[in-house]
Amino acid sequence: MHVSAKVDYAIRALVALAASDGRPVAGSSLASDQGLPAKFLEGILTELRRSGMVASQRGADGGYRLARPASSITLADVFRAIDGPLAEVRGARPETTAYAGANARLQDVWIAVRASLRAVLERTTLADVASGQLPTNVRRLASDPDAWTSR
């Protein structure tokens, strides 16, 4: 799985907003605090505003804040808003693929890959990450030493 810089930056900014207790945070502060390119982050925040995840406020006390509770925004929501579907095969959804012969069960593999991603990303919210209280299945997966080994 490839996590784009855009998705990574979006999640980092949203988690920071979740930790801000509803106070508006300037985009430049988010960028500076997270070590992100300000201009790139502003574009991402605009996409997140269009998707209904953040709201913006102008003025001296302005900035960005979450438009919904952090507990209602999953990491999957962010992935989809920024990069589209969680899993694609050659630009198509896995359920639309078809294979013949020895590859006949390959579609099942792609469906299982998507289900695995959903099991983590649809069950983990911004509030979970901001509080450090990740779901049990995520903690279990991340605690496996083999998960930390590159291949």
Protein backbone atom coordinates (compact mmCIF):
# COMPACT_ATOMS: atom_id res chain seq x y z
CA MET A 1 0.00 0.00 0.00
CA HIS A 2 1.22 3.45 -0.87
CA VAL A 3 0.35 6.33 1.47
CA SER A 4 0.84 9.52 -0.51
CA ALA A 5 2.44 12.60 1.01
CA LYS A 6 -0.90 14.33 0.51
CA VAL A 7 -2.77 11.77 2.66
CA ASP A 8 0.00 11.73 5.28
CA TYR A 9 -0.05 15.53 5.53
CA ALA A 10 -3.85 15.62 5.62
CA ILE A 11 -4.02 13.13 8.48
CA ARG A 12 -1.26 14.90 10.41
CA ALA A 13 -3.04 18.25 10.06
CA LEU A 14 -6.42 16.79 11.02
CA VAL A 15 -5.00 15.04 14.09
CA ALA A 16 -3.43 18.34 15.14
CA LEU A 17 -6.84 20.00 14.73
CA ALA A 18 -8.44 17.20 16.75
CA ALA A 19 -5.96 17.95 19.54
CA SER A 20 -6.70 21.70 19.43
CA ASP A 21 -9.98 21.34 21.37
CA GLY A 22 -12.03 23.12 18.71
CA ARG A 23 -9.91 26.27 18.62
CA PRO A 24 -9.17 27.50 15.09
CA VAL A 25 -5.56 26.94 14.05
CA ALA A 26 -3.89 28.95 11.31
CA GLY A 27 -2.75 26.92 8.32
CA SER A 28 0.73 28.40 8.69
CA SER A 29 0.87 27.20 12.31
CA LEU A 30 -0.23 23.71 11.31
CA ALA A 31 2.45 23.64 8.62
CA SER A 32 5.15 24.93 10.93
CA ASP A 33 4.23 22.69 13.88
CA GLN A 34 4.10 19.58 11.68
CA GLY A 35 7.09 20.48 9.49
CA LEU A 36 4.95 20.53 6.35
CA PRO A 37 5.20 22.76 3.25
CA ALA A 38 2.73 25.58 3.91
CA LYS A 39 1.55 26.11 0.33
CA PHE A 40 0.98 22.38 -0.22
CA LEU A 41 -0.88 22.08 3.09
CA GLU A 42 -3.15 25.02 2.23
CA GLY A 43 -4.26 23.15 -0.91
CA ILE A 44 -4.91 20.02 1.15
CA LEU A 45 -6.91 21.99 3.72
CA THR A 46 -9.01 23.41 0.88
CA GLU A 47 -9.80 19.85 -0.27
CA LEU A 48 -10.65 18.85 3.29
CA ARG A 49 -12.95 21.88 3.60
CA ARG A 50 -14.73 20.90 0.37
CA SER A 51 -15.16 17.36 1.70
CA GLY A 52 -16.76 18.68 4.89
CA MET A 53 -14.02 17.62 7.32
CA VAL A 54 -12.71 21.07 8.18
CA ALA A 55 -14.22 24.50 8.44
CA SER A 56 -12.32 27.73 8.00
CA GLN A 57 -12.75 31.00 9.80
CA ARG A 58 -11.36 34.33 8.62
CA GLY A 59 -9.99 37.11 10.75
CA ALA A 60 -7.44 37.64 13.49
CA ASP A 61 -8.72 34.63 15.42
CA GLY A 62 -9.27 32.64 12.26
CA GLY A 63 -7.90 29.41 11.01
CA TYR A 64 -9.08 25.86 10.54
CA ARG A 65 -11.02 23.58 12.85
CA LEU A 66 -12.72 20.24 12.43
CA ALA A 67 -16.20 20.55 10.97
CA ARG A 68 -17.30 17.30 12.66
CA PRO A 69 -16.28 15.57 15.87
CA ALA A 70 -12.87 13.88 15.62
CA SER A 71 -14.53 10.65 16.75
CA SER A 72 -16.66 10.64 13.59
CA ILE A 73 -13.83 11.07 11.07
CA THR A 74 -12.01 7.86 10.20
CA LEU A 75 -8.65 7.60 8.52
CA ALA A 76 -10.49 5.89 5.64
CA ASP A 77 -12.60 9.05 5.23
CA VAL A 78 -9.41 11.07 4.83
CA PHE A 79 -7.86 8.62 2.34
CA ARG A 80 -11.01 8.67 0.22
CA ALA A 81 -11.34 12.47 0.32
CA ILE A 82 -7.74 12.99 -0.76
CA ASP A 83 -6.83 10.00 -2.95
CA GLY A 84 -10.09 8.21 -3.76
CA PRO A 85 -10.85 4.53 -3.10
CA LEU A 86 -8.71 2.60 -0.60
CA ALA A 87 -7.87 -0.19 -3.04
CA GLU A 88 -7.87 -0.20 -6.82
CA VAL A 89 -6.62 -2.59 -9.46
CA ARG A 90 -5.43 -0.75 -12.57
CA GLY A 91 -7.70 2.16 -11.64
CA ALA A 92 -10.82 0.01 -11.09
CA ARG A 93 -12.52 -1.26 -7.97
CA PRO A 94 -11.55 -4.84 -7.08
CA GLU A 95 -15.11 -6.15 -7.45
CA THR A 96 -15.11 -5.16 -11.12
CA THR A 97 -12.06 -7.27 -12.00
CA ALA A 98 -12.31 -10.72 -13.55
CA TYR A 99 -9.64 -13.31 -14.16
CA ALA A 100 -9.59 -16.67 -15.90
CA GLY A 101 -7.75 -19.94 -15.49
CA ALA A 102 -5.07 -20.12 -12.84
CA ASN A 103 -5.80 -16.50 -11.87
CA ALA A 104 -9.50 -17.05 -11.24
CA ARG A 105 -9.18 -16.46 -7.46
CA LEU A 106 -7.06 -13.29 -7.81
CA GLN A 107 -10.13 -11.09 -7.48
CA ASP A 108 -10.67 -12.63 -4.02
CA VAL A 109 -7.14 -11.58 -3.08
CA TRP A 110 -7.79 -7.97 -4.10
CA ILE A 111 -11.09 -7.96 -2.19
CA ALA A 112 -9.27 -9.34 0.89
CA VAL A 113 -6.61 -6.64 0.59
CA ARG A 114 -9.33 -3.97 0.59
CA ALA A 115 -11.06 -5.65 3.55
CA SER A 116 -7.76 -5.63 5.47
CA LEU A 117 -7.28 -1.93 4.82
CA ARG A 118 -10.84 -1.24 5.91
CA ALA A 119 -10.33 -3.24 9.12
CA VAL A 120 -7.71 -0.70 10.17
CA LEU A 121 -8.62 2.56 8.43
CA GLU A 122 -12.40 2.48 8.90
CA ARG A 123 -12.06 1.63 12.60
CA THR A 124 -9.45 4.26 13.47
CA THR A 125 -10.63 7.83 14.00
CA LEU A 126 -8.80 11.11 14.34
CA ALA A 127 -9.78 11.08 18.02
CA ASP A 128 -8.14 7.66 18.45
CA VAL A 129 -4.85 8.90 17.03
CA ALA A 130 -4.94 12.25 18.85
CA SER A 131 -5.63 10.55 22.19
CA GLY A 132 -3.15 7.73 21.63
CA GLN A 133 -5.95 5.23 22.28
CA LEU A 134 -5.81 3.18 19.11
CA PRO A 135 -8.37 0.42 18.51
CA THR A 136 -7.45 -3.02 19.84
CA ASN A 137 -7.02 -4.55 16.38
CA VAL A 138 -4.59 -1.77 15.39
CA ARG A 139 -2.58 -2.10 18.60
CA ARG A 140 -2.44 -5.87 18.13
CA LEU A 141 -1.22 -5.60 14.54
CA ALA A 142 1.34 -2.92 15.38
CA SER A 143 2.67 -4.85 18.38
CA ASP A 144 3.66 -7.83 16.23
CA PRO A 145 7.47 -7.57 15.81
CA ASP A 146 7.14 -8.98 12.29
CA ALA A 147 5.03 -5.95 11.31
CA TRP A 148 8.09 -3.75 11.88
CA THR A 149 10.32 -5.80 9.54
CA SER A 150 10.76 -4.48 6.00
CA ARG A 151 10.66 -6.97 3.16
